[in-house]
Amino acid sequence: MAASHKGAISFGLVHIPVALHTATADHDIHFNQLCREDGSRVKYKKVCGHCGKEVGSSDIVKGFEFAPGQYVTMTDNDFEKAKTPKDKTIQILHFADLETIRPIYFDKTYHAVPEAGGDKAYELLRKAMLDERKVGIAKTVMGQTEKLLALVPTETGILVETLFFHDEVKAIPKEPAHPQLADGELAMAKTLIGSMVRDFQPELYHDEYQMRLREIIEAKINGREITAAPTENNSNIIDIMDALQRSINQAKSQSGPSGRPAQPSAETA
């Protein structure tokens, strides 16, 4: 698998050559756009706004509009000139507790894999961060964009999480109301949560919507009739205490012999 980015983690005066590999994959079904009339594929062409001629990738340059209709063009060499030596490394700025990073700041995950000659320093950094329960906060330039990073140690390696900058994170449009809660309501809600606790096992969860979508596609290919999934009948319970009690009873009825919620099987999850 080709690396998405190559560089070196700069840890004080220590440099660790690494390659970053994407840690997630897109398995969603993707569709093409077709002409409704004859089913032909809809294509998009890049054309010059002045002469209307179709242009290829080699004929396109990046331009910044500094005044209406006036542009300054930029080359790959220009972008490289903007990088400092620090930008070409993954420069650790400081260390922090992972819990201090709000989830809203996380963007994309990469595996950091040591390159030749970097194994010992890589392992030293990984083990030290893991033992101290710290993550490294770093910066680098990937492509033509500066990235804020969190280096997260795991039992087997180091994950690199790209983070949004503070000015990229939107504030909540409207803060929810915080009405007074009765002690009994809060106690029952905590009881319900406790009755539904189980270990997170990611291999047990699957994208069921994509599975149903594939079944519909196969049915249409084979000319079979498509039936909609049955609608669940949700009872309209107004009393929150009644809803909590029913939920607790339901959770208990679904518990395994140990009294904890039964784990879904890999086949049924």
C-alpha atoms as a PDB file:
ATOM      1  CA  MET A   1       0.000   0.000   0.000  1.00  0.00           C
ATOM      2  CA  ALA A   2       1.468   3.346  -1.043  1.00  0.00           C
ATOM      3  CA  ALA A   3       2.168   5.857   1.699  1.00  0.00           C
ATOM      4  CA  SER A   4       0.032   8.993   1.851  1.00  0.00           C
ATOM      5  CA  HIS A   5       2.884  11.043   3.287  1.00  0.00           C
ATOM      6  CA  LYS A   6       6.545  10.537   4.146  1.00  0.00           C
ATOM      7  CA  GLY A   7       8.638  12.506   6.589  1.00  0.00           C
ATOM      8  CA  ALA A   8      10.284  12.250   9.978  1.00  0.00           C
ATOM      9  CA  ILE A   9       8.901  12.646  13.487  1.00  0.00           C
ATOM     10  CA  SER A  10      11.061  15.243  15.212  1.00  0.00           C
ATOM     11  CA  PHE A  11      11.265  14.446  18.932  1.00  0.00           C
ATOM     12  CA  GLY A  12      13.699  16.906  20.531  1.00  0.00           C
ATOM     13  CA  LEU A  13      16.924  16.234  18.638  1.00  0.00           C
ATOM     14  CA  VAL A  14      15.757  12.752  17.626  1.00  0.00           C
ATOM     15  CA  HIS A  15      14.449  12.230  14.080  1.00  0.00           C
ATOM     16  CA  ILE A  16      12.364   9.159  13.278  1.00  0.00           C
ATOM     17  CA  PRO A  17      11.769   8.515   9.547  1.00  0.00           C
ATOM     18  CA  VAL A  18       8.167   7.382   9.054  1.00  0.00           C
ATOM     19  CA  ALA A  19       5.565   6.844   6.369  1.00  0.00           C
ATOM     20  CA  LEU A  20       1.902   7.626   7.002  1.00  0.00           C
ATOM     21  CA  HIS A  21      -0.668   5.158   5.681  1.00  0.00           C
ATOM     22  CA  THR A  22      -4.422   5.773   5.776  1.00  0.00           C
ATOM     23  CA  ALA A  23      -6.004   3.783   8.592  1.00  0.00           C
ATOM     24  CA  THR A  24      -9.593   3.660   7.310  1.00  0.00           C
ATOM     25  CA  ALA A  25     -11.311   2.531   4.104  1.00  0.00           C
ATOM     26  CA  ASP A  26     -14.511   3.586   2.337  1.00  0.00           C
ATOM     27  CA  HIS A  27     -16.743   0.575   1.634  1.00  0.00           C
ATOM     28  CA  ASP A  28     -19.887   2.526   0.723  1.00  0.00           C
ATOM     29  CA  ILE A  29     -21.617   1.737  -2.569  1.00  0.00           C
ATOM     30  CA  HIS A  30     -20.962   4.508  -5.086  1.00  0.00           C
ATOM     31  CA  PHE A  31     -23.244   5.370  -7.980  1.00  0.00           C
ATOM     32  CA  ASN A  32     -22.783   6.971 -11.386  1.00  0.00           C
ATOM     33  CA  GLN A  33     -25.097   9.661 -12.675  1.00  0.00           C
ATOM     34  CA  LEU A  34     -27.129   8.627 -15.743  1.00  0.00           C
ATOM     35  CA  CYS A  35     -29.327  10.479 -18.182  1.00  0.00           C
ATOM     36  CA  ARG A  36     -32.941   9.725 -17.194  1.00  0.00           C
ATOM     37  CA  GLU A  37     -34.052   9.555 -20.861  1.00  0.00           C
ATOM     38  CA  ASP A  38     -31.656   6.947 -22.296  1.00  0.00           C
ATOM     39  CA  GLY A  39     -29.530   5.771 -19.333  1.00  0.00           C
ATOM     40  CA  SER A  40     -26.251   7.066 -20.748  1.00  0.00           C
ATOM     41  CA  ARG A  41     -23.463   8.049 -18.362  1.00  0.00           C
ATOM     42  CA  VAL A  42     -23.372  11.757 -17.528  1.00  0.00           C
ATOM     43  CA  LYS A  43     -19.836  13.095 -17.999  1.00  0.00           C
ATOM     44  CA  TYR A  44     -18.267  16.304 -16.766  1.00  0.00           C
ATOM     45  CA  LYS A  45     -15.721  18.158 -18.839  1.00  0.00           C
ATOM     46  CA  LYS A  46     -13.359  20.949 -17.822  1.00  0.00           C
ATOM     47  CA  VAL A  47     -13.556  23.763 -20.364  1.00  0.00           C
ATOM     48  CA  CYS A  48     -11.876  27.128 -20.667  1.00  0.00           C
ATOM     49  CA  GLY A  49     -14.238  29.909 -19.607  1.00  0.00           C
ATOM     50  CA  HIS A  50     -12.874  32.156 -22.378  1.00  0.00           C
ATOM     51  CA  CYS A  51     -12.686  29.999 -25.527  1.00  0.00           C
ATOM     52  CA  GLY A  52     -14.810  27.027 -24.482  1.00  0.00           C
ATOM     53  CA  LYS A  53     -12.029  24.550 -25.345  1.00  0.00           C
ATOM     54  CA  GLU A  54     -11.796  21.380 -23.249  1.00  0.00           C
ATOM     55  CA  VAL A  55      -8.610  21.329 -21.170  1.00  0.00           C
ATOM     56  CA  GLY A  56      -6.725  18.429 -19.590  1.00  0.00           C
ATOM     57  CA  SER A  57      -4.976  18.252 -16.228  1.00  0.00           C
ATOM     58  CA  SER A  58      -1.600  19.172 -17.763  1.00  0.00           C
ATOM     59  CA  ASP A  59      -3.114  22.414 -19.101  1.00  0.00           C
ATOM     60  CA  ILE A  60      -4.466  23.561 -15.718  1.00  0.00           C
ATOM     61  CA  VAL A  61      -2.544  25.707 -13.223  1.00  0.00           C
ATOM     62  CA  LYS A  62      -3.557  27.074  -9.829  1.00  0.00           C
ATOM     63  CA  GLY A  63      -4.444  30.747  -9.662  1.00  0.00           C
ATOM     64  CA  PHE A  64      -5.255  33.172  -6.829  1.00  0.00           C
ATOM     65  CA  GLU A  65      -7.738  35.939  -7.654  1.00  0.00           C
ATOM     66  CA  PHE A  66      -6.284  39.100  -6.082  1.00  0.00           C
ATOM     67  CA  ALA A  67      -8.678  41.443  -7.911  1.00  0.00           C
ATOM     68  CA  PRO A  68     -11.853  40.811  -9.961  1.00  0.00           C
ATOM     69  CA  GLY A  69     -10.747  38.863 -13.037  1.00  0.00           C
ATOM     70  CA  GLN A  70      -7.041  39.165 -12.180  1.00  0.00           C
ATOM     71  CA  TYR A  71      -5.038  36.132 -11.057  1.00  0.00           C
ATOM     72  CA  VAL A  72      -1.525  35.284  -9.978  1.00  0.00           C
ATOM     73  CA  THR A  73      -0.557  31.721 -10.903  1.00  0.00           C
ATOM     74  CA  MET A  74       1.263  29.318  -8.585  1.00  0.00           C
ATOM     75  CA  THR A  75       3.519  26.396  -9.480  1.00  0.00           C
ATOM     76  CA  ASP A  76       4.487  23.342  -7.412  1.00  0.00           C
ATOM     77  CA  ASN A  77       7.871  25.004  -6.889  1.00  0.00           C
ATOM     78  CA  ASP A  78       6.147  28.072  -5.406  1.00  0.00           C
ATOM     79  CA  PHE A  79       4.351  25.909  -2.876  1.00  0.00           C
ATOM     80  CA  GLU A  80       7.603  24.177  -1.937  1.00  0.00           C
ATOM     81  CA  LYS A  81       9.281  27.570  -1.361  1.00  0.00           C
ATOM     82  CA  ALA A  82       6.667  28.313   1.328  1.00  0.00           C
ATOM     83  CA  LYS A  83       7.785  25.293   3.368  1.00  0.00           C
ATOM     84  CA  THR A  84      10.423  25.636   6.080  1.00  0.00           C
ATOM     85  CA  PRO A  85      12.627  22.684   7.153  1.00  0.00           C
ATOM     86  CA  LYS A  86      10.260  22.186  10.138  1.00  0.00           C
ATOM     87  CA  ASP A  87       7.287  21.918   7.771  1.00  0.00           C
ATOM     88  CA  LYS A  88       8.919  18.911   6.121  1.00  0.00           C
ATOM     89  CA  THR A  89       9.030  17.017   9.422  1.00  0.00           C
ATOM     90  CA  ILE A  90       6.354  16.008  11.917  1.00  0.00           C
ATOM     91  CA  GLN A  91       7.488  18.413  14.625  1.00  0.00           C
ATOM     92  CA  ILE A  92       6.273  17.453  18.116  1.00  0.00           C
ATOM     93  CA  LEU A  93       5.415  20.709  19.897  1.00  0.00           C
ATOM     94  CA  HIS A  94       4.505  19.256  23.294  1.00  0.00           C
ATOM     95  CA  PHE A  95       2.771  16.333  24.992  1.00  0.00           C
ATOM     96  CA  ALA A  96      -0.729  16.239  26.464  1.00  0.00           C
ATOM     97  CA  ASP A  97      -3.422  13.990  27.914  1.00  0.00           C
ATOM     98  CA  LEU A  98      -5.615  12.498  25.187  1.00  0.00           C
ATOM     99  CA  GLU A  99      -8.709  13.315  27.261  1.00  0.00           C
ATOM    100  CA  THR A 100      -8.014  17.048  26.871  1.00  0.00           C
ATOM    101  CA  ILE A 101      -8.665  16.882  23.100  1.00  0.00           C
ATOM    102  CA  ARG A 102     -12.378  17.254  22.422  1.00  0.00           C
ATOM    103  CA  PRO A 103     -13.653  14.668  19.875  1.00  0.00           C
ATOM    104  CA  ILE A 104     -14.866  17.459  17.562  1.00  0.00           C
ATOM    105  CA  TYR A 105     -11.222  18.258  16.715  1.00  0.00           C
ATOM    106  CA  PHE A 106     -10.419  14.811  15.252  1.00  0.00           C
ATOM    107  CA  ASP A 107     -10.428  14.586  11.451  1.00  0.00           C
ATOM    108  CA  LYS A 108      -8.570  11.633   9.839  1.00  0.00           C
ATOM    109  CA  THR A 109      -6.459   8.728  11.088  1.00  0.00           C
ATOM    110  CA  TYR A 110      -3.142   7.405   9.746  1.00  0.00           C
ATOM    111  CA  HIS A 111      -0.796   4.588  10.756  1.00  0.00           C
ATOM    112  CA  ALA A 112       2.735   5.903  11.310  1.00  0.00           C
ATOM    113  CA  VAL A 113       5.129   3.174  10.118  1.00  0.00           C
ATOM    114  CA  PRO A 114       8.875   3.513  10.768  1.00  0.00           C
ATOM    115  CA  GLU A 115      11.138   3.611   7.742  1.00  0.00           C
ATOM    116  CA  ALA A 116      14.603   2.046   7.522  1.00  0.00           C
ATOM    117  CA  GLY A 117      16.773   3.038  10.476  1.00  0.00           C
ATOM    118  CA  GLY A 118      13.889   4.382  12.554  1.00  0.00           C
ATOM    119  CA  ASP A 119      12.756   1.267  14.438  1.00  0.00           C
ATOM    120  CA  LYS A 120      14.640   1.862  17.735  1.00  0.00           C
ATOM    121  CA  ALA A 121      13.708   5.552  18.065  1.00  0.00           C
ATOM    122  CA  TYR A 122      10.118   4.799  17.003  1.00  0.00           C
ATOM    123  CA  GLU A 123       9.757   2.109  19.686  1.00  0.00           C
ATOM    124  CA  LEU A 124      11.322   4.401  22.279  1.00  0.00           C
ATOM    125  CA  LEU A 125       8.796   7.155  21.539  1.00  0.00           C
ATOM    126  CA  ARG A 126       5.842   4.753  21.398  1.00  0.00           C
ATOM    127  CA  LYS A 127       6.691   2.995  24.683  1.00  0.00           C
ATOM    128  CA  ALA A 128       7.506   6.216  26.545  1.00  0.00           C
ATOM    129  CA  MET A 129       4.225   7.878  25.499  1.00  0.00           C
ATOM    130  CA  LEU A 130       2.248   4.744  26.304  1.00  0.00           C
ATOM    131  CA  ASP A 131       3.802   4.368  29.762  1.00  0.00           C
ATOM    132  CA  GLU A 132       3.262   8.049  30.533  1.00  0.00           C
ATOM    133  CA  ARG A 133      -0.273   7.936  29.046  1.00  0.00           C
ATOM    134  CA  LYS A 134       0.481  10.967  26.859  1.00  0.00           C
ATOM    135  CA  VAL A 135      -0.014  11.903  23.204  1.00  0.00           C
ATOM    136  CA  GLY A 136       2.233  14.112  21.120  1.00  0.00           C
ATOM    137  CA  ILE A 137       0.833  17.346  19.678  1.00  0.00           C
ATOM    138  CA  ALA A 138       2.622  18.104  16.405  1.00  0.00           C
ATOM    139  CA  LYS A 139       2.465  20.055  13.144  1.00  0.00           C
ATOM    140  CA  THR A 140       3.545  19.329   9.583  1.00  0.00           C
ATOM    141  CA  VAL A 141       2.684  20.255   6.002  1.00  0.00           C
ATOM    142  CA  MET A 142       0.968  17.540   3.960  1.00  0.00           C
ATOM    143  CA  GLY A 143       0.734  18.452   0.293  1.00  0.00           C
ATOM    144  CA  GLN A 144      -0.138  22.146   0.340  1.00  0.00           C
ATOM    145  CA  THR A 145      -1.874  22.233   3.724  1.00  0.00           C
ATOM    146  CA  GLU A 146      -0.458  22.625   7.205  1.00  0.00           C
ATOM    147  CA  LYS A 147      -1.853  20.027   9.588  1.00  0.00           C
ATOM    148  CA  LEU A 148      -2.204  19.953  13.343  1.00  0.00           C
ATOM    149  CA  LEU A 149      -1.590  16.393  14.569  1.00  0.00           C
ATOM    150  CA  ALA A 150      -1.970  14.159  17.594  1.00  0.00           C
ATOM    151  CA  LEU A 151       0.429  11.208  17.812  1.00  0.00           C
ATOM    152  CA  VAL A 152      -1.390   8.502  19.765  1.00  0.00           C
ATOM    153  CA  PRO A 153       0.541   5.464  21.042  1.00  0.00           C
ATOM    154  CA  THR A 154      -1.103   2.032  20.894  1.00  0.00           C
ATOM    155  CA  GLU A 155      -0.021  -1.434  21.997  1.00  0.00           C
ATOM    156  CA  THR A 156       1.424  -2.078  18.537  1.00  0.00           C
ATOM    157  CA  GLY A 157       2.307   1.262  16.964  1.00  0.00           C
ATOM    158  CA  ILE A 158       1.569   4.965  16.710  1.00  0.00           C
ATOM    159  CA  LEU A 159      -1.558   6.472  15.188  1.00  0.00           C
ATOM    160  CA  VAL A 160      -1.408   9.953  13.700  1.00  0.00           C
ATOM    161  CA  GLU A 161      -4.682  11.848  13.990  1.00  0.00           C
ATOM    162  CA  THR A 162      -5.082  15.012  11.941  1.00  0.00           C
ATOM    163  CA  LEU A 163      -6.865  17.688  13.967  1.00  0.00           C
ATOM    164  CA  PHE A 164      -8.935  20.678  12.933  1.00  0.00           C
ATOM    165  CA  PHE A 165      -7.529  24.051  13.917  1.00  0.00           C
ATOM    166  CA  HIS A 166      -9.578  25.950  16.497  1.00  0.00           C
ATOM    167  CA  ASP A 167     -10.907  28.463  13.959  1.00  0.00           C
ATOM    168  CA  GLU A 168     -12.183  25.580  11.791  1.00  0.00           C
ATOM    169  CA  VAL A 169     -14.464  24.240  14.535  1.00  0.00           C
ATOM    170  CA  LYS A 170     -17.952  25.723  14.559  1.00  0.00           C
ATOM    171  CA  ALA A 171     -19.720  26.632  17.761  1.00  0.00           C
ATOM    172  CA  ILE A 172     -22.991  24.875  18.510  1.00  0.00           C
ATOM    173  CA  PRO A 173     -25.765  26.901  16.762  1.00  0.00           C
ATOM    174  CA  LYS A 174     -27.998  26.778  19.828  1.00  0.00           C
ATOM    175  CA  GLU A 175     -27.133  25.436  23.261  1.00  0.00           C
ATOM    176  CA  PRO A 176     -29.696  22.901  24.489  1.00  0.00           C
ATOM    177  CA  ALA A 177     -31.828  23.827  27.460  1.00  0.00           C
ATOM    178  CA  HIS A 178     -30.792  22.362  30.809  1.00  0.00           C
ATOM    179  CA  PRO A 179     -34.090  21.805  32.660  1.00  0.00           C
ATOM    180  CA  GLN A 180     -34.105  20.700  36.279  1.00  0.00           C
ATOM    181  CA  LEU A 181     -33.955  16.900  36.637  1.00  0.00           C
ATOM    182  CA  ALA A 182     -35.641  14.923  39.391  1.00  0.00           C
ATOM    183  CA  ASP A 183     -33.315  12.676  41.406  1.00  0.00           C
ATOM    184  CA  GLY A 184     -35.478   9.654  40.570  1.00  0.00           C
ATOM    185  CA  GLU A 185     -35.272  10.325  36.819  1.00  0.00           C
ATOM    186  CA  LEU A 186     -31.487  10.650  36.935  1.00  0.00           C
ATOM    187  CA  ALA A 187     -31.114   7.507  39.044  1.00  0.00           C
ATOM    188  CA  MET A 188     -33.257   5.469  36.626  1.00  0.00           C
ATOM    189  CA  ALA A 189     -31.356   6.823  33.612  1.00  0.00           C
ATOM    190  CA  LYS A 190     -28.080   5.746  35.241  1.00  0.00           C
ATOM    191  CA  THR A 191     -29.597   2.327  35.996  1.00  0.00           C
ATOM    192  CA  LEU A 192     -30.577   1.967  32.334  1.00  0.00           C
ATOM    193  CA  ILE A 193     -27.070   2.923  31.215  1.00  0.00           C
ATOM    194  CA  GLY A 194     -25.566   0.426  33.659  1.00  0.00           C
ATOM    195  CA  SER A 195     -27.829  -2.350  32.369  1.00  0.00           C
ATOM    196  CA  MET A 196     -26.649  -1.716  28.793  1.00  0.00           C
ATOM    197  CA  VAL A 197     -22.880  -1.622  29.440  1.00  0.00           C
ATOM    198  CA  ARG A 198     -20.662  -4.046  27.531  1.00  0.00           C
ATOM    199  CA  ASP A 199     -17.215  -3.994  25.983  1.00  0.00           C
ATOM    200  CA  PHE A 200     -16.815  -2.311  22.607  1.00  0.00           C
ATOM    201  CA  GLN A 201     -15.854  -4.957  20.048  1.00  0.00           C
ATOM    202  CA  PRO A 202     -15.674  -3.185  16.666  1.00  0.00           C
ATOM    203  CA  GLU A 203     -15.641  -6.428  14.664  1.00  0.00           C
ATOM    204  CA  LEU A 204     -19.230  -7.092  15.763  1.00  0.00           C
ATOM    205  CA  TYR A 205     -20.680  -4.018  14.068  1.00  0.00           C
ATOM    206  CA  HIS A 206     -21.456  -3.754  10.368  1.00  0.00           C
ATOM    207  CA  ASP A 207     -22.994  -1.233   7.981  1.00  0.00           C
ATOM    208  CA  GLU A 208     -26.430  -2.854   7.722  1.00  0.00           C
ATOM    209  CA  TYR A 209     -27.797  -0.139   5.438  1.00  0.00           C
ATOM    210  CA  GLN A 210     -25.125  -0.892   2.813  1.00  0.00           C
ATOM    211  CA  MET A 211     -25.938  -4.615   3.123  1.00  0.00           C
ATOM    212  CA  ARG A 212     -29.648  -3.951   2.463  1.00  0.00           C
ATOM    213  CA  LEU A 213     -28.737  -1.636  -0.397  1.00  0.00           C
ATOM    214  CA  ARG A 214     -26.654  -4.388  -2.025  1.00  0.00           C
ATOM    215  CA  GLU A 215     -29.600  -6.786  -1.667  1.00  0.00           C
ATOM    216  CA  ILE A 216     -31.851  -4.296  -3.463  1.00  0.00           C
ATOM    217  CA  ILE A 217     -29.273  -3.834  -6.241  1.00  0.00           C
ATOM    218  CA  GLU A 218     -28.956  -7.620  -6.674  1.00  0.00           C
ATOM    219  CA  ALA A 219     -32.752  -7.956  -6.734  1.00  0.00           C
ATOM    220  CA  LYS A 220     -33.062  -5.306  -9.454  1.00  0.00           C
ATOM    221  CA  ILE A 221     -30.274  -6.941 -11.491  1.00  0.00           C
ATOM    222  CA  ASN A 222     -32.095 -10.278 -11.296  1.00  0.00           C
ATOM    223  CA  GLY A 223     -35.523  -8.770 -11.941  1.00  0.00           C
ATOM    224  CA  ARG A 224     -36.923  -9.731  -8.542  1.00  0.00           C
ATOM    225  CA  GLU A 225     -39.632  -7.782  -6.739  1.00  0.00           C
ATOM    226  CA  ILE A 226     -38.344  -5.425  -4.066  1.00  0.00           C
ATOM    227  CA  THR A 227     -40.148  -5.270  -0.724  1.00  0.00           C
ATOM    228  CA  ALA A 228     -39.624  -2.445   1.748  1.00  0.00           C
ATOM    229  CA  ALA A 229     -38.333  -3.210   5.234  1.00  0.00           C
ATOM    230  CA  PRO A 230     -41.147  -3.459   7.814  1.00  0.00           C
ATOM    231  CA  THR A 231     -41.824  -0.309   9.800  1.00  0.00           C
ATOM    232  CA  GLU A 232     -41.196  -0.549  13.514  1.00  0.00           C
ATOM    233  CA  ASN A 233     -44.088   0.373  15.767  1.00  0.00           C
ATOM    234  CA  ASN A 234     -42.690   2.812  18.291  1.00  0.00           C
ATOM    235  CA  SER A 235     -44.999   3.363  21.221  1.00  0.00           C
ATOM    236  CA  ASN A 236     -45.669   7.012  21.952  1.00  0.00           C
ATOM    237  CA  ILE A 237     -44.674   7.057  25.632  1.00  0.00           C
ATOM    238  CA  ILE A 238     -44.993  10.524  27.119  1.00  0.00           C
ATOM    239  CA  ASP A 239     -44.089   9.825  30.763  1.00  0.00           C
ATOM    240  CA  ILE A 240     -40.296   9.717  30.990  1.00  0.00           C
ATOM    241  CA  MET A 241     -40.288   7.573  34.141  1.00  0.00           C
ATOM    242  CA  ASP A 242     -42.527   5.019  32.423  1.00  0.00           C
ATOM    243  CA  ALA A 243     -40.239   5.063  29.377  1.00  0.00           C
ATOM    244  CA  LEU A 244     -37.156   4.521  31.553  1.00  0.00           C
ATOM    245  CA  GLN A 245     -38.753   1.666  33.462  1.00  0.00           C
ATOM    246  CA  ARG A 246     -39.865  -0.083  30.278  1.00  0.00           C
ATOM    247  CA  SER A 247     -36.381   0.372  28.824  1.00  0.00           C
ATOM    248  CA  ILE A 248     -34.781  -1.136  31.947  1.00  0.00           C
ATOM    249  CA  ASN A 249     -37.159  -4.106  31.811  1.00  0.00           C
ATOM    250  CA  GLN A 250     -36.380  -4.599  28.120  1.00  0.00           C
ATOM    251  CA  ALA A 251     -32.619  -4.443  28.770  1.00  0.00           C
ATOM    252  CA  LYS A 252     -32.943  -7.019  31.571  1.00  0.00           C
ATOM    253  CA  SER A 253     -34.910  -9.371  29.321  1.00  0.00           C
ATOM    254  CA  GLN A 254     -32.131  -9.199  26.725  1.00  0.00           C
ATOM    255  CA  SER A 255     -29.329  -9.813  29.252  1.00  0.00           C
ATOM    256  CA  GLY A 256     -27.203 -12.931  29.177  1.00  0.00           C
ATOM    257  CA  PRO A 257     -26.774 -15.345  32.111  1.00  0.00           C
ATOM    258  CA  SER A 258     -24.317 -12.950  33.781  1.00  0.00           C
ATOM    259  CA  GLY A 259     -26.929 -10.204  33.916  1.00  0.00           C
ATOM    260  CA  ARG A 260     -25.001  -8.113  31.352  1.00  0.00           C
ATOM    261  CA  PRO A 261     -26.373  -7.418  27.876  1.00  0.00           C
ATOM    262  CA  ALA A 262     -25.737 -10.336  25.524  1.00  0.00           C
ATOM    263  CA  GLN A 263     -23.015  -9.635  22.965  1.00  0.00           C
ATOM    264  CA  PRO A 264     -24.282  -9.537  19.370  1.00  0.00           C
ATOM    265  CA  SER A 265     -22.788 -12.200  17.169  1.00  0.00           C
ATOM    266  CA  ALA A 266     -20.646 -11.296  14.185  1.00  0.00           C
ATOM    267  CA  GLU A 267     -23.361 -12.754  11.943  1.00  0.00           C
ATOM    268  CA  THR A 268     -26.261 -10.808  13.388  1.00  0.00           C
ATOM    269  CA  ALA A 269     -24.612  -7.523  14.360  1.00  0.00           C
END
